[in-house]
Every structure is written in C-alpha cells, then in structure tokens.
Amino acid sequence: QLVESGGGLVQLGGSLTLSCAASGIIFSIRAMG
C-alpha cells in the first residue's frame, strides 16, 4: 500500500513537499517516483 500526503493549495512561486510511504514491503524497491 502507498499512502501519500502533503498536497494542498499554494500560491504562484511557492513550495510544497509531497511524501509517499509504502507498506507491506519485504524486499528492496527498485524505483520510486
């Protein structure tokens, strides 16, 4: 499962940081994006 967070409303020129946490992981994740 992937759970994202961090979205929202921002003004022109502003900044945001999104996060995505993966659960149920047993071995290495090849790539995330």
PDB file of all heavy atoms in Angstrom:
ATOM      1  N   GLN A   1       0.845  -1.196   0.000  1.00  0.00           N
ATOM      2  CA  GLN A   1       0.000   0.000   0.000  1.00  0.00           C
ATOM      3  C   GLN A   1       0.874   1.237   0.000  1.00  0.00           C
ATOM      4  O   GLN A   1       1.944   1.255   0.616  1.00  0.00           O
ATOM      5  CB  GLN A   1      -0.926   0.013   1.215  1.00  0.00           C
ATOM      6  CG  GLN A   1      -2.010  -1.054   1.185  1.00  0.00           C
ATOM      7  CD  GLN A   1      -3.020  -0.890   2.306  1.00  0.00           C
ATOM      8  OE1 GLN A   1      -2.670  -0.453   3.391  1.00  0.00           O
ATOM      9  NE2 GLN A   1      -4.268  -1.241   2.033  1.00  0.00           N
ATOM     10  N   LEU A   2       0.408   2.262  -0.695  1.00  0.00           N
ATOM     11  CA  LEU A   2       1.107   3.542  -0.755  1.00  0.00           C
ATOM     12  C   LEU A   2       0.186   4.618  -0.187  1.00  0.00           C
ATOM     13  O   LEU A   2      -0.973   4.715  -0.596  1.00  0.00           O
ATOM     14  CB  LEU A   2       1.487   3.893  -2.193  1.00  0.00           C
ATOM     15  CG  LEU A   2       2.310   2.865  -2.962  1.00  0.00           C
ATOM     16  CD1 LEU A   2       2.598   3.366  -4.371  1.00  0.00           C
ATOM     17  CD2 LEU A   2       3.591   2.541  -2.236  1.00  0.00           C
ATOM     18  N   VAL A   3       0.723   5.411   0.708  1.00  0.00           N
ATOM     19  CA  VAL A   3      -0.054   6.480   1.309  1.00  0.00           C
ATOM     20  C   VAL A   3       0.672   7.795   1.065  1.00  0.00           C
ATOM     21  O   VAL A   3       1.809   7.979   1.515  1.00  0.00           O
ATOM     22  CB  VAL A   3      -0.263   6.267   2.816  1.00  0.00           C
ATOM     23  CG1 VAL A   3      -1.027   7.442   3.416  1.00  0.00           C
ATOM     24  CG2 VAL A   3      -1.006   4.958   3.060  1.00  0.00           C
ATOM     25  N   GLU A   4       0.004   8.694   0.357  1.00  0.00           N
ATOM     26  CA  GLU A   4       0.581   9.983   0.014  1.00  0.00           C
ATOM     27  C   GLU A   4       0.079  11.061   0.960  1.00  0.00           C
ATOM     28  O   GLU A   4      -1.029  10.974   1.490  1.00  0.00           O
ATOM     29  CB  GLU A   4       0.206  10.349  -1.416  1.00  0.00           C
ATOM     30  CG  GLU A   4       0.727   9.367  -2.430  1.00  0.00           C
ATOM     31  CD  GLU A   4      -0.150   9.317  -3.666  1.00  0.00           C
ATOM     32  OE1 GLU A   4      -1.275   9.826  -3.612  1.00  0.00           O
ATOM     33  OE2 GLU A   4       0.280   8.754  -4.679  1.00  0.00           O
ATOM     34  N   SER A   5       0.871  12.083   1.110  1.00  0.00           N
ATOM     35  CA  SER A   5       0.468  13.232   1.911  1.00  0.00           C
ATOM     36  C   SER A   5       1.237  14.465   1.445  1.00  0.00           C
ATOM     37  O   SER A   5       2.235  14.344   0.726  1.00  0.00           O
ATOM     38  CB  SER A   5       0.732  12.980   3.394  1.00  0.00           C
ATOM     39  OG  SER A   5       2.110  12.756   3.616  1.00  0.00           O
ATOM     40  N   GLY A   6       0.745  15.639   1.860  1.00  0.00           N
ATOM     41  CA  GLY A   6       1.476  16.869   1.600  1.00  0.00           C
ATOM     42  C   GLY A   6       0.890  17.774   0.542  1.00  0.00           C
ATOM     43  O   GLY A   6       1.400  18.878   0.326  1.00  0.00           O
ATOM     44  N   GLY A   7      -0.152  17.336  -0.135  1.00  0.00           N
ATOM     45  CA  GLY A   7      -0.741  18.203  -1.148  1.00  0.00           C
ATOM     46  C   GLY A   7      -1.476  19.369  -0.527  1.00  0.00           C
ATOM     47  O   GLY A   7      -1.642  19.449   0.688  1.00  0.00           O
ATOM     48  N   GLY A   8      -1.904  20.293  -1.369  1.00  0.00           N
ATOM     49  CA  GLY A   8      -2.652  21.436  -0.871  1.00  0.00           C
ATOM     50  C   GLY A   8      -2.659  22.582  -1.853  1.00  0.00           C
ATOM     51  O   GLY A   8      -2.325  22.416  -3.029  1.00  0.00           O
ATOM     52  N   LEU A   9      -3.049  23.737  -1.350  1.00  0.00           N
ATOM     53  CA  LEU A   9      -3.136  24.957  -2.149  1.00  0.00           C
ATOM     54  C   LEU A   9      -1.931  25.836  -1.854  1.00  0.00           C
ATOM     55  O   LEU A   9      -1.603  26.076  -0.691  1.00  0.00           O
ATOM     56  CB  LEU A   9      -4.425  25.702  -1.815  1.00  0.00           C
ATOM     57  CG  LEU A   9      -4.638  27.070  -2.466  1.00  0.00           C
ATOM     58  CD1 LEU A   9      -4.763  26.921  -3.980  1.00  0.00           C
ATOM     59  CD2 LEU A   9      -5.884  27.735  -1.886  1.00  0.00           C
ATOM     60  N   VAL A  10      -1.290  26.325  -2.897  1.00  0.00           N
ATOM     61  CA  VAL A  10      -0.112  27.168  -2.729  1.00  0.00           C
ATOM     62  C   VAL A  10      -0.148  28.267  -3.785  1.00  0.00           C
ATOM     63  O   VAL A  10      -0.717  28.083  -4.861  1.00  0.00           O
ATOM     64  CB  VAL A  10       1.177  26.322  -2.846  1.00  0.00           C
ATOM     65  CG1 VAL A  10       1.322  25.724  -4.236  1.00  0.00           C
ATOM     66  CG2 VAL A  10       2.407  27.115  -2.457  1.00  0.00           C
ATOM     67  N   GLN A  11       0.452  29.372  -3.471  1.00  0.00           N
ATOM     68  CA  GLN A  11       0.478  30.489  -4.416  1.00  0.00           C
ATOM     69  C   GLN A  11       1.603  30.326  -5.427  1.00  0.00           C
ATOM     70  O   GLN A  11       2.571  29.595  -5.196  1.00  0.00           O
ATOM     71  CB  GLN A  11       0.630  31.805  -3.664  1.00  0.00           C
ATOM     72  CG  GLN A  11      -0.595  32.188  -2.862  1.00  0.00           C
ATOM     73  CD  GLN A  11      -0.477  33.584  -2.267  1.00  0.00           C
ATOM     74  OE1 GLN A  11       0.622  34.075  -2.050  1.00  0.00           O
ATOM     75  NE2 GLN A  11      -1.622  34.210  -2.018  1.00  0.00           N
ATOM     76  N   LEU A  12       1.467  31.045  -6.523  1.00  0.00           N
ATOM     77  CA  LEU A  12       2.495  31.079  -7.557  1.00  0.00           C
ATOM     78  C   LEU A  12       3.859  31.358  -6.938  1.00  0.00           C
ATOM     79  O   LEU A  12       4.005  32.283  -6.137  1.00  0.00           O
ATOM     80  CB  LEU A  12       2.154  32.163  -8.575  1.00  0.00           C
ATOM     81  CG  LEU A  12       3.181  32.461  -9.652  1.00  0.00           C
ATOM     82  CD1 LEU A  12       3.328  31.277 -10.590  1.00  0.00           C
ATOM     83  CD2 LEU A  12       2.802  33.717 -10.423  1.00  0.00           C
ATOM     84  N   GLY A  13       4.839  30.527  -7.287  1.00  0.00           N
ATOM     85  CA  GLY A  13       6.182  30.695  -6.768  1.00  0.00           C
ATOM     86  C   GLY A  13       6.438  30.015  -5.440  1.00  0.00           C
ATOM     87  O   GLY A  13       7.574  30.008  -4.955  1.00  0.00           O
ATOM     88  N   GLY A  14       5.415  29.426  -4.869  1.00  0.00           N
ATOM     89  CA  GLY A  14       5.544  28.779  -3.577  1.00  0.00           C
ATOM     90  C   GLY A  14       6.138  27.384  -3.667  1.00  0.00           C
ATOM     91  O   GLY A  14       6.516  26.918  -4.745  1.00  0.00           O
ATOM     92  N   SER A  15       6.186  26.727  -2.511  1.00  0.00           N
ATOM     93  CA  SER A  15       6.780  25.393  -2.416  1.00  0.00           C
ATOM     94  C   SER A  15       5.866  24.437  -1.663  1.00  0.00           C
ATOM     95  O   SER A  15       5.080  24.863  -0.808  1.00  0.00           O
ATOM     96  CB  SER A  15       8.125  25.464  -1.680  1.00  0.00           C
ATOM     97  OG  SER A  15       9.046  26.274  -2.385  1.00  0.00           O
ATOM     98  N   LEU A  16       5.988  23.183  -2.002  1.00  0.00           N
ATOM     99  CA  LEU A  16       5.299  22.102  -1.303  1.00  0.00           C
ATOM    100  C   LEU A  16       6.192  20.880  -1.315  1.00  0.00           C
ATOM    101  O   LEU A  16       6.982  20.701  -2.260  1.00  0.00           O
ATOM    102  CB  LEU A  16       3.979  21.743  -1.986  1.00  0.00           C
ATOM    103  CG  LEU A  16       2.717  22.527  -1.683  1.00  0.00           C
ATOM    104  CD1 LEU A  16       1.568  22.003  -2.542  1.00  0.00           C
ATOM    105  CD2 LEU A  16       2.354  22.479  -0.214  1.00  0.00           C
ATOM    106  N   THR A  17       6.021  20.035  -0.317  1.00  0.00           N
ATOM    107  CA  THR A  17       6.709  18.749  -0.305  1.00  0.00           C
ATOM    108  C   THR A  17       5.687  17.639  -0.153  1.00  0.00           C
ATOM    109  O   THR A  17       4.891  17.650   0.791  1.00  0.00           O
ATOM    110  CB  THR A  17       7.726  18.663   0.839  1.00  0.00           C
ATOM    111  OG1 THR A  17       8.707  19.698   0.684  1.00  0.00           O
ATOM    112  CG2 THR A  17       8.432  17.324   0.830  1.00  0.00           C
ATOM    113  N   LEU A  18       5.709  16.714  -1.086  1.00  0.00           N
ATOM    114  CA  LEU A  18       4.842  15.547  -1.032  1.00  0.00           C
ATOM    115  C   LEU A  18       5.628  14.365  -0.466  1.00  0.00           C
ATOM    116  O   LEU A  18       6.835  14.253  -0.688  1.00  0.00           O
ATOM    117  CB  LEU A  18       4.319  15.187  -2.416  1.00  0.00           C
ATOM    118  CG  LEU A  18       3.617  16.282  -3.207  1.00  0.00           C
ATOM    119  CD1 LEU A  18       3.112  15.730  -4.541  1.00  0.00           C
ATOM    120  CD2 LEU A  18       2.475  16.880  -2.427  1.00  0.00           C
ATOM    121  N   SER A  19       4.909  13.507   0.236  1.00  0.00           N
ATOM    122  CA  SER A  19       5.510  12.291   0.773  1.00  0.00           C
ATOM    123  C   SER A  19       4.674  11.092   0.351  1.00  0.00           C
ATOM    124  O   SER A  19       3.463  11.208   0.179  1.00  0.00           O
ATOM    125  CB  SER A  19       5.573  12.338   2.301  1.00  0.00           C
ATOM    126  OG  SER A  19       6.321  13.424   2.753  1.00  0.00           O
ATOM    127  N   CYS A  20       5.334   9.965   0.223  1.00  0.00           N
ATOM    128  CA  CYS A  20       4.641   8.726  -0.105  1.00  0.00           C
ATOM    129  C   CYS A  20       5.318   7.592   0.659  1.00  0.00           C
ATOM    130  O   CYS A  20       6.502   7.311   0.428  1.00  0.00           O
ATOM    131  CB  CYS A  20       4.685   8.461  -1.597  1.00  0.00           C
ATOM    132  SG  CYS A  20       4.046   6.846  -2.091  1.00  0.00           S
ATOM    133  N   ALA A  21       4.573   6.990   1.550  1.00  0.00           N
ATOM    134  CA  ALA A  21       5.105   5.900   2.363  1.00  0.00           C
ATOM    135  C   ALA A  21       4.529   4.571   1.884  1.00  0.00           C
ATOM    136  O   ALA A  21       3.304   4.439   1.751  1.00  0.00           O
ATOM    137  CB  ALA A  21       4.764   6.123   3.825  1.00  0.00           C
ATOM    138  N   ALA A  22       5.412   3.626   1.647  1.00  0.00           N
ATOM    139  CA  ALA A  22       4.992   2.296   1.197  1.00  0.00           C
ATOM    140  C   ALA A  22       5.020   1.320   2.368  1.00  0.00           C
ATOM    141  O   ALA A  22       5.964   1.317   3.160  1.00  0.00           O
ATOM    142  CB  ALA A  22       5.920   1.807   0.097  1.00  0.00           C
ATOM    143  N   SER A  23       3.967   0.519   2.464  1.00  0.00           N
ATOM    144  CA  SER A  23       3.908  -0.517   3.484  1.00  0.00           C
ATOM    145  C   SER A  23       3.723  -1.880   2.823  1.00  0.00           C
ATOM    146  O   SER A  23       3.390  -1.956   1.640  1.00  0.00           O
ATOM    147  CB  SER A  23       2.774  -0.246   4.469  1.00  0.00           C
ATOM    148  OG  SER A  23       1.539  -0.222   3.796  1.00  0.00           O
ATOM    149  N   GLY A  24       3.959  -2.931   3.592  1.00  0.00           N
ATOM    150  CA  GLY A  24       3.867  -4.273   3.022  1.00  0.00           C
ATOM    151  C   GLY A  24       5.076  -4.631   2.199  1.00  0.00           C
ATOM    152  O   GLY A  24       5.028  -5.558   1.378  1.00  0.00           O
ATOM    153  N   ILE A  25       6.172  -3.908   2.411  1.00  0.00           N
ATOM    154  CA  ILE A  25       7.400  -4.113   1.637  1.00  0.00           C
ATOM    155  C   ILE A  25       8.281  -5.144   2.326  1.00  0.00           C
ATOM    156  O   ILE A  25       8.576  -5.001   3.519  1.00  0.00           O
ATOM    157  CB  ILE A  25       8.163  -2.786   1.466  1.00  0.00           C
ATOM    158  CG1 ILE A  25       7.278  -1.745   0.777  1.00  0.00           C
ATOM    159  CG2 ILE A  25       9.469  -3.017   0.716  1.00  0.00           C
ATOM    160  CD1 ILE A  25       6.845  -2.126  -0.618  1.00  0.00           C
ATOM    161  N   ILE A  26       8.716  -6.142   1.562  1.00  0.00           N
ATOM    162  CA  ILE A  26       9.565  -7.198   2.116  1.00  0.00           C
ATOM    163  C   ILE A  26      10.996  -7.089   1.590  1.00  0.00           C
ATOM    164  O   ILE A  26      11.954  -7.243   2.342  1.00  0.00           O
ATOM    165  CB  ILE A  26       8.992  -8.588   1.789  1.00  0.00           C
ATOM    166  CG1 ILE A  26       7.610  -8.745   2.410  1.00  0.00           C
ATOM    167  CG2 ILE A  26       9.938  -9.678   2.274  1.00  0.00           C
ATOM    168  CD1 ILE A  26       6.917 -10.035   2.026  1.00  0.00           C
ATOM    169  N   PHE A  27      11.147  -6.814   0.301  1.00  0.00           N
ATOM    170  CA  PHE A  27      12.484  -6.667  -0.271  1.00  0.00           C
ATOM    171  C   PHE A  27      12.617  -5.290  -0.899  1.00  0.00           C
ATOM    172  O   PHE A  27      11.699  -4.478  -0.826  1.00  0.00           O
ATOM    173  CB  PHE A  27      12.771  -7.781  -1.277  1.00  0.00           C
ATOM    174  CG  PHE A  27      11.672  -8.022  -2.264  1.00  0.00           C
ATOM    175  CD1 PHE A  27      11.625  -7.313  -3.458  1.00  0.00           C
ATOM    176  CD2 PHE A  27      10.685  -8.968  -2.019  1.00  0.00           C
ATOM    177  CE1 PHE A  27      10.619  -7.539  -4.369  1.00  0.00           C
ATOM    178  CE2 PHE A  27       9.678  -9.193  -2.931  1.00  0.00           C
ATOM    179  CZ  PHE A  27       9.633  -8.479  -4.109  1.00  0.00           C
ATOM    180  N   SER A  28      13.761  -5.023  -1.511  1.00  0.00           N
ATOM    181  CA  SER A  28      14.073  -3.672  -1.967  1.00  0.00           C
ATOM    182  C   SER A  28      13.149  -3.198  -3.090  1.00  0.00           C
ATOM    183  O   SER A  28      12.808  -3.958  -3.986  1.00  0.00           O
ATOM    184  CB  SER A  28      15.525  -3.607  -2.444  1.00  0.00           C
ATOM    185  OG  SER A  28      16.399  -3.942  -1.408  1.00  0.00           O
ATOM    186  N   ILE A  29      12.794  -1.945  -3.028  1.00  0.00           N
ATOM    187  CA  ILE A  29      12.008  -1.302  -4.075  1.00  0.00           C
ATOM    188  C   ILE A  29      12.971  -0.833  -5.162  1.00  0.00           C
ATOM    189  O   ILE A  29      13.911  -0.093  -4.884  1.00  0.00           O
ATOM    190  CB  ILE A  29      11.221  -0.105  -3.519  1.00  0.00           C
ATOM    191  CG1 ILE A  29      10.263  -0.572  -2.422  1.00  0.00           C
ATOM    192  CG2 ILE A  29      10.468   0.607  -4.634  1.00  0.00           C
ATOM    193  CD1 ILE A  29       9.593   0.567  -1.676  1.00  0.00           C
ATOM    194  N   ARG A  30      12.722  -1.246  -6.393  1.00  0.00           N
ATOM    195  CA  ARG A  30      13.642  -0.916  -7.482  1.00  0.00           C
ATOM    196  C   ARG A  30      13.655   0.574  -7.776  1.00  0.00           C
ATOM    197  O   ARG A  30      14.704   1.179  -7.981  1.00  0.00           O
ATOM    198  CB  ARG A  30      13.293  -1.693  -8.747  1.00  0.00           C
ATOM    199  CG  ARG A  30      13.602  -3.176  -8.644  1.00  0.00           C
ATOM    200  CD  ARG A  30      13.381  -3.875  -9.973  1.00  0.00           C
ATOM    201  NE  ARG A  30      11.973  -4.001 -10.301  1.00  0.00           N
ATOM    202  CZ  ARG A  30      11.378  -3.387 -11.306  1.00  0.00           C
ATOM    203  NH1 ARG A  30      12.069  -2.586 -12.097  1.00  0.00           N
ATOM    204  NH2 ARG A  30      10.098  -3.564 -11.543  1.00  0.00           N
ATOM    205  N   ALA A  31      12.491   1.165  -7.824  1.00  0.00           N
ATOM    206  CA  ALA A  31      12.410   2.595  -8.125  1.00  0.00           C
ATOM    207  C   ALA A  31      11.141   3.164  -7.517  1.00  0.00           C
ATOM    208  O   ALA A  31      10.139   2.452  -7.359  1.00  0.00           O
ATOM    209  CB  ALA A  31      12.422   2.842  -9.626  1.00  0.00           C
ATOM    210  N   MET A  32      11.204   4.430  -7.184  1.00  0.00           N
ATOM    211  CA  MET A  32      10.042   5.150  -6.644  1.00  0.00           C
ATOM    212  C   MET A  32       9.937   6.460  -7.417  1.00  0.00           C
ATOM    213  O   MET A  32      10.958   7.071  -7.750  1.00  0.00           O
ATOM    214  CB  MET A  32      10.221   5.430  -5.155  1.00  0.00           C
ATOM    215  CG  MET A  32      10.536   4.199  -4.323  1.00  0.00           C
ATOM    216  SD  MET A  32      10.708   4.543  -2.559  1.00  0.00           S
ATOM    217  CE  MET A  32       8.974   4.622  -2.061  1.00  0.00           C
ATOM    218  N   GLY A  33       8.717   6.880  -7.654  1.00  0.00           N
ATOM    219  CA  GLY A  33       8.588   8.098  -8.435  1.00  0.00           C
ATOM    220  C   GLY A  33       7.233   8.746  -8.314  1.00  0.00           C
ATOM    221  O   GLY A  33       6.390   8.326  -7.518  1.00  0.00           O
TER     222      GLY A  33
END
